[in-house]
PDB file of N, CA and C in Angstrom:
ATOM      1  N   UNK A   1      72.129 -55.997  54.231  1.00  0.00           N
ATOM      2  CA  UNK A   1      72.728 -54.770  53.751  1.00  0.00           C
ATOM      3  C   UNK A   1      71.672 -53.670  53.824  1.00  0.00           C
ATOM      4  N   UNK A   2      71.991 -52.599  54.509  1.00  0.00           N
ATOM      5  CA  UNK A   2      71.095 -51.458  54.599  1.00  0.00           C
ATOM      6  C   UNK A   2      71.522 -50.415  53.583  1.00  0.00           C
ATOM      7  N   UNK A   3      70.566 -49.909  52.835  1.00  0.00           N
ATOM      8  CA  UNK A   3      70.843 -48.886  51.839  1.00  0.00           C
ATOM      9  C   UNK A   3      69.964 -47.686  52.130  1.00  0.00           C
ATOM     10  N   UNK A   4      70.585 -46.569  52.455  1.00  0.00           N
ATOM     11  CA  UNK A   4      69.827 -45.360  52.732  1.00  0.00           C
ATOM     12  C   UNK A   4      69.730 -44.458  51.520  1.00  0.00           C
ATOM     13  N   UNK A   5      70.682 -44.542  50.614  1.00  0.00           N
ATOM     14  CA  UNK A   5      70.701 -43.679  49.451  1.00  0.00           C
ATOM     15  C   UNK A   5      70.700 -44.548  48.197  1.00  0.00           C
ATOM     16  N   UNK A   6      69.607 -44.515  47.474  1.00  0.00           N
ATOM     17  CA  UNK A   6      69.508 -45.305  46.248  1.00  0.00           C
ATOM     18  C   UNK A   6      69.821 -44.484  45.004  1.00  0.00           C
ATOM     19  N   UNK A   7      70.325 -43.261  45.209  1.00  0.00           N
ATOM     20  CA  UNK A   7      70.728 -42.411  44.095  1.00  0.00           C
ATOM     21  C   UNK A   7      71.768 -43.155  43.263  1.00  0.00           C
ATOM     22  N   UNK A   8      71.561 -43.239  41.978  1.00  0.00           N
ATOM     23  CA  UNK A   8      72.511 -43.934  41.106  1.00  0.00           C
ATOM     24  C   UNK A   8      72.148 -45.385  40.850  1.00  0.00           C
ATOM     25  N   UNK A   9      71.177 -45.907  41.586  1.00  0.00           N
ATOM     26  CA  UNK A   9      70.754 -47.293  41.378  1.00  0.00           C
ATOM     27  C   UNK A   9      70.071 -47.410  40.020  1.00  0.00           C
ATOM     28  N   UNK A  10      70.484 -48.393  39.235  1.00  0.00           N
ATOM     29  CA  UNK A  10      69.905 -48.581  37.912  1.00  0.00           C
ATOM     30  C   UNK A  10      69.095 -49.868  37.808  1.00  0.00           C
ATOM     31  N   UNK A  11      69.223 -50.745  38.795  1.00  0.00           N
ATOM     32  CA  UNK A  11      68.505 -52.009  38.750  1.00  0.00           C
ATOM     33  C   UNK A  11      68.134 -52.447  40.159  1.00  0.00           C
ATOM     34  N   UNK A  12      66.960 -53.046  40.281  1.00  0.00           N
ATOM     35  CA  UNK A  12      66.479 -53.596  41.543  1.00  0.00           C
ATOM     36  C   UNK A  12      66.156 -55.056  41.298  1.00  0.00           C
ATOM     37  N   UNK A  13      66.820 -55.931  42.025  1.00  0.00           N
ATOM     38  CA  UNK A  13      66.619 -57.363  41.856  1.00  0.00           C
ATOM     39  C   UNK A  13      65.875 -57.898  43.081  1.00  0.00           C
ATOM     40  N   UNK A  14      64.718 -58.498  42.818  1.00  0.00           N
ATOM     41  CA  UNK A  14      63.876 -59.073  43.864  1.00  0.00           C
ATOM     42  C   UNK A  14      64.056 -60.583  43.839  1.00  0.00           C
ATOM     43  N   UNK A  15      64.457 -61.159  44.963  1.00  0.00           N
ATOM     44  CA  UNK A  15      64.750 -62.588  45.045  1.00  0.00           C
ATOM     45  C   UNK A  15      63.723 -63.234  45.957  1.00  0.00           C
ATOM     46  N   UNK A  16      62.932 -64.128  45.420  1.00  0.00           N
ATOM     47  CA  UNK A  16      61.888 -64.767  46.205  1.00  0.00           C
ATOM     48  C   UNK A  16      62.501 -65.691  47.249  1.00  0.00           C
ATOM     49  N   UNK A  17      62.002 -65.557  48.465  1.00  0.00           N
ATOM     50  CA  UNK A  17      62.387 -66.458  49.544  1.00  0.00           C
ATOM     51  C   UNK A  17      61.150 -66.986  50.248  1.00  0.00           C
ATOM     52  N   UNK A  18      60.082 -67.195  49.451  1.00  0.00           N
ATOM     53  CA  UNK A  18      58.917 -67.896  49.963  1.00  0.00           C
ATOM     54  C   UNK A  18      59.289 -69.358  50.166  1.00  0.00           C
ATOM     55  N   UNK A  19      58.390 -70.150  50.705  1.00  0.00           N
ATOM     56  CA  UNK A  19      58.740 -71.521  51.087  1.00  0.00           C
ATOM     57  C   UNK A  19      59.221 -72.384  49.918  1.00  0.00           C
ATOM     58  N   UNK A  20      58.575 -72.313  48.761  1.00  0.00           N
ATOM     59  CA  UNK A  20      59.011 -73.131  47.620  1.00  0.00           C
ATOM     60  C   UNK A  20      60.370 -72.682  47.105  1.00  0.00           C
ATOM     61  N   UNK A  21      60.582 -71.374  47.064  1.00  0.00           N
ATOM     62  CA  UNK A  21      61.881 -70.875  46.598  1.00  0.00           C
ATOM     63  C   UNK A  21      62.983 -71.205  47.594  1.00  0.00           C
ATOM     64  N   UNK A  22      62.664 -71.141  48.884  1.00  0.00           N
ATOM     65  CA  UNK A  22      63.662 -71.527  49.891  1.00  0.00           C
ATOM     66  C   UNK A  22      64.058 -72.985  49.705  1.00  0.00           C
ATOM     67  N   UNK A  23      63.071 -73.838  49.412  1.00  0.00           N
ATOM     68  CA  UNK A  23      63.363 -75.259  49.176  1.00  0.00           C
ATOM     69  C   UNK A  23      64.234 -75.439  47.943  1.00  0.00           C
ATOM     70  N   UNK A  24      64.176 -74.478  47.031  1.00  0.00           N
ATOM     71  CA  UNK A  24      64.978 -74.525  45.804  1.00  0.00           C
ATOM     72  C   UNK A  24      66.161 -73.565  45.892  1.00  0.00           C
ATOM     73  N   UNK A  25      66.748 -73.460  47.082  1.00  0.00           N
ATOM     74  CA  UNK A  25      68.006 -72.743  47.320  1.00  0.00           C
ATOM     75  C   UNK A  25      67.880 -71.224  47.208  1.00  0.00           C
ATOM     76  N   UNK A  26      66.711 -70.682  47.492  1.00  0.00           N
ATOM     77  CA  UNK A  26      66.486 -69.243  47.404  1.00  0.00           C
ATOM     78  C   UNK A  26      67.452 -68.415  48.236  1.00  0.00           C
ATOM     79  N   UNK A  27      67.765 -68.884  49.434  1.00  0.00           N
ATOM     80  CA  UNK A  27      68.708 -68.138  50.275  1.00  0.00           C
ATOM     81  C   UNK A  27      70.101 -68.143  49.648  1.00  0.00           C
ATOM     82  N   UNK A  28      70.484 -69.287  49.073  1.00  0.00           N
ATOM     83  CA  UNK A  28      71.786 -69.382  48.399  1.00  0.00           C
ATOM     84  C   UNK A  28      71.814 -68.513  47.144  1.00  0.00           C
ATOM     85  N   UNK A  29      70.690 -68.437  46.448  1.00  0.00           N
ATOM     86  CA  UNK A  29      70.593 -67.586  45.259  1.00  0.00           C
ATOM     87  C   UNK A  29      70.807 -66.133  45.671  1.00  0.00           C
ATOM     88  N   UNK A  30      70.146 -65.703  46.739  1.00  0.00           N
ATOM     89  CA  UNK A  30      70.297 -64.323  47.221  1.00  0.00           C
ATOM     90  C   UNK A  30      71.748 -64.039  47.591  1.00  0.00           C
ATOM     91  N   UNK A  31      72.381 -64.955  48.301  1.00  0.00           N
ATOM     92  CA  UNK A  31      73.782 -64.775  48.690  1.00  0.00           C
ATOM     93  C   UNK A  31      74.691 -64.699  47.467  1.00  0.00           C
ATOM     94  N   UNK A  32      74.437 -65.558  46.469  1.00  0.00           N
ATOM     95  CA  UNK A  32      75.262 -65.570  45.258  1.00  0.00           C
ATOM     96  C   UNK A  32      75.100 -64.270  44.477  1.00  0.00           C
ATOM     97  N   UNK A  33      73.869 -63.782  44.368  1.00  0.00           N
ATOM     98  CA  UNK A  33      73.616 -62.528  43.655  1.00  0.00           C
ATOM     99  C   UNK A  33      74.317 -61.374  44.369  1.00  0.00           C
ATOM    100  N   UNK A  34      74.173 -61.303  45.676  1.00  0.00           N
ATOM    101  CA  UNK A  34      74.809 -60.227  46.433  1.00  0.00           C
ATOM    102  C   UNK A  34      76.337 -60.299  46.346  1.00  0.00           C
ATOM    103  N   UNK A  35      76.884 -61.522  46.379  1.00  0.00           N
ATOM    104  CA  UNK A  35      78.339 -61.686  46.262  1.00  0.00           C
ATOM    105  C   UNK A  35      78.825 -61.248  44.883  1.00  0.00           C
ATOM    106  N   UNK A  36      78.069 -61.574  43.835  1.00  0.00           N
ATOM    107  CA  UNK A  36      78.468 -61.192  42.473  1.00  0.00           C
ATOM    108  C   UNK A  36      78.373 -59.679  42.286  1.00  0.00           C
ATOM    109  N   UNK A  37      77.368 -59.065  42.879  1.00  0.00           N
ATOM    110  CA  UNK A  37      77.257 -57.605  42.814  1.00  0.00           C
ATOM    111  C   UNK A  37      78.492 -56.971  43.435  1.00  0.00           C
ATOM    112  N   UNK A  38      78.894 -57.491  44.584  1.00  0.00           N
ATOM    113  CA  UNK A  38      80.089 -56.963  45.256  1.00  0.00           C
ATOM    114  C   UNK A  38      81.344 -57.230  44.420  1.00  0.00           C
ATOM    115  N   UNK A  39      81.462 -58.448  43.882  1.00  0.00           N
ATOM    116  CA  UNK A  39      82.622 -58.805  43.052  1.00  0.00           C
ATOM    117  C   UNK A  39      82.750 -57.871  41.852  1.00  0.00           C
ATOM    118  N   UNK A  40      81.608 -57.506  41.266  1.00  0.00           N
ATOM    119  CA  UNK A  40      81.599 -56.626  40.098  1.00  0.00           C
ATOM    120  C   UNK A  40      81.715 -55.150  40.473  1.00  0.00           C
ATOM    121  N   UNK A  41      81.736 -54.857  41.779  1.00  0.00           N
ATOM    122  CA  UNK A  41      81.817 -53.466  42.231  1.00  0.00           C
ATOM    123  C   UNK A  41      80.571 -52.674  41.885  1.00  0.00           C
ATOM    124  N   UNK A  42      79.423 -53.349  41.877  1.00  0.00           N
ATOM    125  CA  UNK A  42      78.180 -52.728  41.416  1.00  0.00           C
ATOM    126  C   UNK A  42      77.200 -52.425  42.553  1.00  0.00           C
ATOM    127  N   UNK A  43      77.701 -52.307  43.789  1.00  0.00           N
ATOM    128  CA  UNK A  43      76.817 -52.077  44.926  1.00  0.00           C
ATOM    129  C   UNK A  43      75.998 -50.800  44.786  1.00  0.00           C
ATOM    130  N   UNK A  44      76.546 -49.786  44.132  1.00  0.00           N
ATOM    131  CA  UNK A  44      75.805 -48.538  43.971  1.00  0.00           C
ATOM    132  C   UNK A  44      74.858 -48.580  42.763  1.00  0.00           C
ATOM    133  N   UNK A  45      74.975 -49.613  41.927  1.00  0.00           N
ATOM    134  CA  UNK A  45      74.149 -49.730  40.723  1.00  0.00           C
ATOM    135  C   UNK A  45      72.966 -50.671  40.885  1.00  0.00           C
ATOM    136  N   UNK A  46      73.164 -51.739  41.667  1.00  0.00           N
ATOM    137  CA  UNK A  46      72.130 -52.769  41.803  1.00  0.00           C
ATOM    138  C   UNK A  46      71.748 -52.914  43.268  1.00  0.00           C
ATOM    139  N   UNK A  47      70.446 -52.820  43.528  1.00  0.00           N
ATOM    140  CA  UNK A  47      69.917 -53.015  44.875  1.00  0.00           C
ATOM    141  C   UNK A  47      69.156 -54.333  44.886  1.00  0.00           C
ATOM    142  N   UNK A  48      69.274 -55.103  45.957  1.00  0.00           N
ATOM    143  CA  UNK A  48      68.554 -56.370  46.061  1.00  0.00           C
ATOM    144  C   UNK A  48      67.569 -56.328  47.219  1.00  0.00           C
ATOM    145  N   UNK A  49      66.499 -57.082  47.055  1.00  0.00           N
ATOM    146  CA  UNK A  49      65.514 -57.262  48.114  1.00  0.00           C
ATOM    147  C   UNK A  49      65.048 -58.711  48.079  1.00  0.00           C
ATOM    148  N   UNK A  50      65.064 -59.370  49.224  1.00  0.00           N
ATOM    149  CA  UNK A  50      64.448 -60.692  49.288  1.00  0.00           C
ATOM    150  C   UNK A  50      62.982 -60.483  49.639  1.00  0.00           C
ATOM    151  N   UNK A  51      62.135 -61.265  49.001  1.00  0.00           N
ATOM    152  CA  UNK A  51      60.697 -61.115  49.162  1.00  0.00           C
ATOM    153  C   UNK A  51      60.097 -62.388  49.744  1.00  0.00           C
ATOM    154  N   UNK A  52      58.856 -62.323  50.060  1.00  0.00           N
ATOM    155  CA  UNK A  52      58.084 -63.517  50.383  1.00  0.00           C
ATOM    156  C   UNK A  52      57.596 -64.071  49.049  1.00  0.00           C
ATOM    157  N   UNK A  53      56.590 -64.879  49.066  1.00  0.00           N
ATOM    158  CA  UNK A  53      56.115 -65.552  47.860  1.00  0.00           C
ATOM    159  C   UNK A  53      55.702 -64.575  46.760  1.00  0.00           C
ATOM    160  N   UNK A  54      56.174 -64.842  45.542  1.00  0.00           N
ATOM    161  CA  UNK A  54      55.800 -64.048  44.376  1.00  0.00           C
ATOM    162  C   UNK A  54      54.745 -64.760  43.530  1.00  0.00           C
ATOM    163  N   UNK A  55      54.204 -65.861  44.026  1.00  0.00           N
ATOM    164  CA  UNK A  55      53.090 -66.516  43.359  1.00  0.00           C
ATOM    165  C   UNK A  55      53.440 -67.440  42.212  1.00  0.00           C
ATOM    166  N   UNK A  56      54.696 -67.754  42.026  1.00  0.00           N
ATOM    167  CA  UNK A  56      55.112 -68.658  40.943  1.00  0.00           C
ATOM    168  C   UNK A  56      55.892 -69.820  41.533  1.00  0.00           C
ATOM    169  N   UNK A  57      55.308 -70.480  42.531  1.00  0.00           N
ATOM    170  CA  UNK A  57      55.997 -71.531  43.288  1.00  0.00           C
ATOM    171  C   UNK A  57      56.539 -72.653  42.408  1.00  0.00           C
ATOM    172  N   UNK A  58      55.832 -72.982  41.350  1.00  0.00           N
ATOM    173  CA  UNK A  58      56.275 -74.043  40.450  1.00  0.00           C
ATOM    174  C   UNK A  58      57.484 -73.676  39.623  1.00  0.00           C
ATOM    175  N   UNK A  59      57.870 -72.405  39.668  1.00  0.00           N
ATOM    176  CA  UNK A  59      59.022 -71.928  38.894  1.00  0.00           C
ATOM    177  C   UNK A  59      60.203 -71.553  39.784  1.00  0.00           C
ATOM    178  N   UNK A  60      60.199 -72.019  41.006  1.00  0.00           N
ATOM    179  CA  UNK A  60      61.212 -71.650  41.997  1.00  0.00           C
ATOM    180  C   UNK A  60      62.624 -72.022  41.530  1.00  0.00           C
ATOM    181  N   UNK A  61      63.530 -71.225  41.834  1.00  0.00           N
ATOM    182  CA  UNK A  61      63.543 -69.965  42.561  1.00  0.00           C
ATOM    183  C   UNK A  61      63.304 -68.816  41.567  1.00  0.00           C
ATOM    184  N   UNK A  62      62.351 -67.952  41.908  1.00  0.00           N
ATOM    185  CA  UNK A  62      61.962 -66.834  41.056  1.00  0.00           C
ATOM    186  C   UNK A  62      62.757 -65.587  41.431  1.00  0.00           C
ATOM    187  N   UNK A  63      63.286 -64.916  40.416  1.00  0.00           N
ATOM    188  CA  UNK A  63      64.010 -63.655  40.601  1.00  0.00           C
ATOM    189  C   UNK A  63      63.428 -62.660  39.599  1.00  0.00           C
ATOM    190  N   UNK A  64      63.183 -61.436  40.063  1.00  0.00           N
ATOM    191  CA  UNK A  64      62.587 -60.395  39.221  1.00  0.00           C
ATOM    192  C   UNK A  64      63.551 -59.225  39.149  1.00  0.00           C
ATOM    193  N   UNK A  65      63.797 -58.718  37.953  1.00  0.00           N
ATOM    194  CA  UNK A  65      64.709 -57.585  37.769  1.00  0.00           C
ATOM    195  C   UNK A  65      63.951 -56.388  37.215  1.00  0.00           C
ATOM    196  N   UNK A  66      64.098 -55.271  37.899  1.00  0.00           N
ATOM    197  CA  UNK A  66      63.500 -54.005  37.466  1.00  0.00           C
ATOM    198  C   UNK A  66      64.594 -52.977  37.291  1.00  0.00           C
ATOM    199  N   UNK A  67      64.460 -52.027  36.386  1.00  0.00           N
ATOM    200  CA  UNK A  67      63.226 -51.571  35.752  1.00  0.00           C
ATOM    201  C   UNK A  67      62.833 -52.384  34.528  1.00  0.00           C
ATOM    202  N   UNK A  68      63.623 -53.368  34.164  1.00  0.00           N
ATOM    203  CA  UNK A  68      63.327 -54.160  32.971  1.00  0.00           C
ATOM    204  C   UNK A  68      62.007 -54.916  33.094  1.00  0.00           C
ATOM    205  N   UNK A  69      61.625 -55.278  34.309  1.00  0.00           N
ATOM    206  CA  UNK A  69      60.395 -56.028  34.508  1.00  0.00           C
ATOM    207  C   UNK A  69      60.491 -57.460  34.041  1.00  0.00           C
ATOM    208  N   UNK A  70      61.659 -58.058  34.184  1.00  0.00           N
ATOM    209  CA  UNK A  70      61.868 -59.429  33.736  1.00  0.00           C
ATOM    210  C   UNK A  70      61.738 -60.374  34.929  1.00  0.00           C
ATOM    211  N   UNK A  71      60.870 -61.358  34.789  1.00  0.00           N
ATOM    212  CA  UNK A  71      60.693 -62.402  35.792  1.00  0.00           C
ATOM    213  C   UNK A  71      61.463 -63.632  35.313  1.00  0.00           C
ATOM    214  N   UNK A  72      62.349 -64.140  36.159  1.00  0.00           N
ATOM    215  CA  UNK A  72      63.146 -65.321  35.828  1.00  0.00           C
ATOM    216  C   UNK A  72      62.669 -66.523  36.628  1.00  0.00           C
ATOM    217  N   UNK A  73      62.733 -67.680  36.003  1.00  0.00           N
ATOM    218  CA  UNK A  73      62.362 -68.930  36.661  1.00  0.00           C
ATOM    219  C   UNK A  73      63.589 -69.814  36.850  1.00  0.00           C
ATOM    220  N   UNK A  74      63.482 -70.696  37.836  1.00  0.00           N
ATOM    221  CA  UNK A  74      64.468 -71.761  38.060  1.00  0.00           C
ATOM    222  C   UNK A  74      65.892 -71.227  38.196  1.00  0.00           C
ATOM    223  N   UNK A  75      66.050 -70.152  38.958  1.00  0.00           N
ATOM    224  CA  UNK A  75      67.375 -69.567  39.145  1.00  0.00           C
ATOM    225  C   UNK A  75      68.124 -70.317  40.240  1.00  0.00           C
ATOM    226  N   UNK A  76      69.328 -70.707  39.923  1.00  0.00           N
ATOM    227  CA  UNK A  76      70.248 -71.360  40.858  1.00  0.00           C
ATOM    228  C   UNK A  76      71.284 -70.322  41.284  1.00  0.00           C
ATOM    229  N   UNK A  77      72.115 -70.638  42.287  1.00  0.00           N
ATOM    230  CA  UNK A  77      73.170 -69.686  42.634  1.00  0.00           C
ATOM    231  C   UNK A  77      74.075 -69.341  41.439  1.00  0.00           C
ATOM    232  N   UNK A  78      74.431 -70.333  40.637  1.00  0.00           N
ATOM    233  CA  UNK A  78      75.278 -70.083  39.464  1.00  0.00           C
ATOM    234  C   UNK A  78      74.582 -69.168  38.464  1.00  0.00           C
ATOM    235  N   UNK A  79      73.295 -69.427  38.210  1.00  0.00           N
ATOM    236  CA  UNK A  79      72.544 -68.577  37.288  1.00  0.00           C
ATOM    237  C   UNK A  79      72.330 -67.186  37.870  1.00  0.00           C
ATOM    238  N   UNK A  80      72.217 -67.081  39.188  1.00  0.00           N
ATOM    239  CA  UNK A  80      72.086 -65.779  39.832  1.00  0.00           C
ATOM    240  C   UNK A  80      73.290 -64.899  39.563  1.00  0.00           C
ATOM    241  N   UNK A  81      74.481 -65.495  39.626  1.00  0.00           N
ATOM    242  CA  UNK A  81      75.709 -64.749  39.320  1.00  0.00           C
ATOM    243  C   UNK A  81      75.711 -64.307  37.859  1.00  0.00           C
ATOM    244  N   UNK A  82      75.314 -65.209  36.966  1.00  0.00           N
ATOM    245  CA  UNK A  82      75.252 -64.875  35.535  1.00  0.00           C
ATOM    246  C   UNK A  82      74.224 -63.780  35.277  1.00  0.00           C
ATOM    247  N   UNK A  83      73.118 -63.814  35.999  1.00  0.00           N
ATOM    248  CA  UNK A  83      72.078 -62.802  35.861  1.00  0.00           C
ATOM    249  C   UNK A  83      72.633 -61.412  36.164  1.00  0.00           C
ATOM    250  N   UNK A  84      73.407 -61.294  37.224  1.00  0.00           N
ATOM    251  CA  UNK A  84      74.015 -60.002  37.580  1.00  0.00           C
ATOM    252  C   UNK A  84      74.895 -59.513  36.444  1.00  0.00           C
ATOM    253  N   UNK A  85      75.762 -60.387  35.943  1.00  0.00           N
ATOM    254  CA  UNK A  85      76.673 -59.986  34.856  1.00  0.00           C
ATOM    255  C   UNK A  85      75.889 -59.582  33.607  1.00  0.00           C
ATOM    256  N   UNK A  86      74.872 -60.359  33.256  1.00  0.00           N
ATOM    257  CA  UNK A  86      74.061 -60.050  32.070  1.00  0.00           C
ATOM    258  C   UNK A  86      73.384 -58.690  32.206  1.00  0.00           C
ATOM    259  N   UNK A  87      72.800 -58.418  33.375  1.00  0.00           N
ATOM    260  CA  UNK A  87      72.103 -57.148  33.559  1.00  0.00           C
ATOM    261  C   UNK A  87      73.069 -55.975  33.542  1.00  0.00           C
ATOM    262  N   UNK A  88      74.279 -56.174  34.028  1.00  0.00           N
ATOM    263  CA  UNK A  88      75.276 -55.102  33.962  1.00  0.00           C
ATOM    264  C   UNK A  88      75.669 -54.806  32.518  1.00  0.00           C
ATOM    265  N   UNK A  89      75.570 -55.812  31.651  1.00  0.00           N
ATOM    266  CA  UNK A  89      75.877 -55.649  30.225  1.00  0.00           C
ATOM    267  C   UNK A  89      74.665 -55.182  29.422  1.00  0.00           C
ATOM    268  N   UNK A  90      73.507 -55.080  30.076  1.00  0.00           N
ATOM    269  CA  UNK A  90      72.288 -54.688  29.377  1.00  0.00           C
ATOM    270  C   UNK A  90      71.532 -55.855  28.769  1.00  0.00           C
ATOM    271  N   UNK A  91      71.903 -57.082  29.138  1.00  0.00           N
ATOM    272  CA  UNK A  91      71.238 -58.265  28.599  1.00  0.00           C
ATOM    273  C   UNK A  91      70.368 -58.939  29.633  1.00  0.00           C
ATOM    274  N   UNK A  92      70.007 -60.187  29.341  1.00  0.00           N
ATOM    275  CA  UNK A  92      69.223 -60.980  30.283  1.00  0.00           C
ATOM    276  C   UNK A  92      69.447 -62.463  30.010  1.00  0.00           C
ATOM    277  N   UNK A  93      69.038 -63.308  30.941  1.00  0.00           N
ATOM    278  CA  UNK A  93      69.156 -64.762  30.792  1.00  0.00           C
ATOM    279  C   UNK A  93      67.936 -65.280  30.029  1.00  0.00           C
ATOM    280  N   UNK A  94      68.017 -65.249  28.719  1.00  0.00           N
ATOM    281  CA  UNK A  94      66.867 -65.568  27.868  1.00  0.00           C
ATOM    282  C   UNK A  94      66.223 -66.912  28.196  1.00  0.00           C
ATOM    283  N   UNK A  95      67.031 -67.936  28.448  1.00  0.00           N
ATOM    284  CA  UNK A  95      66.483 -69.272  28.658  1.00  0.00           C
ATOM    285  C   UNK A  95      65.688 -69.397  29.958  1.00  0.00           C
ATOM    286  N   UNK A  96      65.796 -68.425  30.861  1.00  0.00           N
ATOM    287  CA  UNK A  96      65.086 -68.477  32.130  1.00  0.00           C
ATOM    288  C   UNK A  96      63.999 -67.408  32.257  1.00  0.00           C
ATOM    289  N   UNK A  97      63.736 -66.675  31.186  1.00  0.00           N
ATOM    290  CA  UNK A  97      62.712 -65.630  31.248  1.00  0.00           C
ATOM    291  C   UNK A  97      61.331 -66.278  31.300  1.00  0.00           C
ATOM    292  N   UNK A  98      60.561 -65.867  32.291  1.00  0.00           N
ATOM    293  CA  UNK A  98      59.189 -66.330  32.439  1.00  0.00           C
ATOM    294  C   UNK A  98      58.224 -65.272  31.921  1.00  0.00           C
ATOM    295  N   UNK A  99      58.420 -64.040  32.356  1.00  0.00           N
ATOM    296  CA  UNK A  99      57.636 -62.898  31.898  1.00  0.00           C
ATOM    297  C   UNK A  99      58.578 -61.742  31.627  1.00  0.00           C
ATOM    298  N   UNK A 100      58.186 -60.876  30.706  1.00  0.00           N
ATOM    299  CA  UNK A 100      58.893 -59.605  30.553  1.00  0.00           C
ATOM    300  C   UNK A 100      57.906 -58.572  30.050  1.00  0.00           C
ATOM    301  N   UNK A 101      58.160 -57.347  30.403  1.00  0.00           N
ATOM    302  CA  UNK A 101      57.295 -56.247  29.984  1.00  0.00           C
ATOM    303  C   UNK A 101      57.937 -55.573  28.795  1.00  0.00           C
ATOM    304  N   UNK A 102      57.233 -55.599  27.675  1.00  0.00           N
ATOM    305  CA  UNK A 102      57.744 -55.008  26.449  1.00  0.00           C
ATOM    306  C   UNK A 102      56.641 -54.171  25.817  1.00  0.00           C
ATOM    307  N   UNK A 103      56.937 -52.908  25.558  1.00  0.00           N
ATOM    308  CA  UNK A 103      55.963 -51.996  24.953  1.00  0.00           C
ATOM    309  C   UNK A 103      54.658 -51.944  25.747  1.00  0.00           C
ATOM    310  N   UNK A 104      54.778 -52.030  27.060  1.00  0.00           N
ATOM    311  CA  UNK A 104      53.608 -51.951  27.915  1.00  0.00           C
ATOM    312  C   UNK A 104      52.808 -53.238  27.999  1.00  0.00           C
ATOM    313  N   UNK A 105      53.196 -54.267  27.250  1.00  0.00           N
ATOM    314  CA  UNK A 105      52.487 -55.535  27.265  1.00  0.00           C
ATOM    315  C   UNK A 105      53.323 -56.579  27.986  1.00  0.00           C
ATOM    316  N   UNK A 106      52.657 -57.586  28.520  1.00  0.00           N
ATOM    317  CA  UNK A 106      53.371 -58.668  29.185  1.00  0.00           C
ATOM    318  C   UNK A 106      53.590 -59.788  28.173  1.00  0.00           C
ATOM    319  N   UNK A 107      54.831 -60.137  27.927  1.00  0.00           N
ATOM    320  CA  UNK A 107      55.163 -61.270  27.066  1.00  0.00           C
ATOM    321  C   UNK A 107      55.399 -62.469  27.973  1.00  0.00           C
ATOM    322  N   UNK A 108      54.738 -63.561  27.721  1.00  0.00           N
ATOM    323  CA  UNK A 108      54.829 -64.736  28.578  1.00  0.00           C
ATOM    324  C   UNK A 108      55.534 -65.859  27.838  1.00  0.00           C
ATOM    325  N   UNK A 109      56.462 -66.518  28.523  1.00  0.00           N
ATOM    326  CA  UNK A 109      57.098 -67.717  27.986  1.00  0.00           C
ATOM    327  C   UNK A 109      55.987 -68.754  27.815  1.00  0.00           C
ATOM    328  N   UNK A 110      55.730 -69.214  26.599  1.00  0.00           N
ATOM    329  CA  UNK A 110      54.616 -70.147  26.373  1.00  0.00           C
ATOM    330  C   UNK A 110      54.694 -71.395  27.255  1.00  0.00           C
ATOM    331  N   UNK A 111      55.889 -71.899  27.516  1.00  0.00           N
ATOM    332  CA  UNK A 111      56.025 -73.078  28.371  1.00  0.00           C
ATOM    333  C   UNK A 111      55.792 -72.718  29.825  1.00  0.00           C
ATOM    334  N   UNK A 112      56.134 -71.484  30.203  1.00  0.00           N
ATOM    335  CA  UNK A 112      55.990 -71.062  31.597  1.00  0.00           C
ATOM    336  C   UNK A 112      54.611 -70.526  31.926  1.00  0.00           C
ATOM    337  N   UNK A 113      53.792 -70.278  30.908  1.00  0.00           N
ATOM    338  CA  UNK A 113      52.478 -69.683  31.144  1.00  0.00           C
ATOM    339  C   UNK A 113      51.611 -70.539  32.051  1.00  0.00           C
ATOM    340  N   UNK A 114      51.717 -71.828  31.903  1.00  0.00           N
ATOM    341  CA  UNK A 114      50.938 -72.736  32.738  1.00  0.00           C
ATOM    342  C   UNK A 114      51.634 -72.974  34.065  1.00  0.00           C
ATOM    343  N   UNK A 115      52.948 -72.815  34.086  1.00  0.00           N
ATOM    344  CA  UNK A 115      53.703 -73.091  35.298  1.00  0.00           C
ATOM    345  C   UNK A 115      53.760 -74.583  35.562  1.00  0.00           C
ATOM    346  N   UNK A 116      54.582 -74.969  36.503  1.00  0.00           N
ATOM    347  CA  UNK A 116      54.679 -76.352  36.905  1.00  0.00           C
ATOM    348  C   UNK A 116      53.726 -76.589  38.054  1.00  0.00           C
ATOM    349  N   UNK A 117      53.378 -77.817  38.256  1.00  0.00           N
ATOM    350  CA  UNK A 117      52.520 -78.129  39.396  1.00  0.00           C
ATOM    351  C   UNK A 117      53.359 -78.078  40.663  1.00  0.00           C
ATOM    352  N   UNK A 118      52.724 -77.644  41.751  1.00  0.00           N
ATOM    353  CA  UNK A 118      53.403 -77.621  43.045  1.00  0.00           C
ATOM    354  C   UNK A 118      53.726 -79.035  43.461  1.00  0.00           C
ATOM    355  N   UNK A 119      54.862 -79.163  44.126  1.00  0.00           N
ATOM    356  CA  UNK A 119      55.274 -80.484  44.616  1.00  0.00           C
ATOM    357  C   UNK A 119      54.691 -80.723  45.979  1.00  0.00           C
TER     358      UNK A 119
END
């Protein structure tokens, strides 16, 4: 999807498609997120970008939502769809939050701080 005018965009979702995330259905996650955005009629509100490695391979598939600055871990296609709906409502998928920026500080999920070991 090519987007020339981002006027009106309120959220940017970055979907990792590095090798570990691809092994954990990263391409399917991207497709599910894009399909849910279209289903919700939110194409002018949410822009998506697939990225290369975001450095959290043990937490694959990683999805990052801005301007909130929320990093999500272990996102599946089903969770990707839920993520879109939550962000449209002003919420987030609490159980999958790895990092978030709050008051200028980075809050880290204590269990996710160490990350998982690479397979």
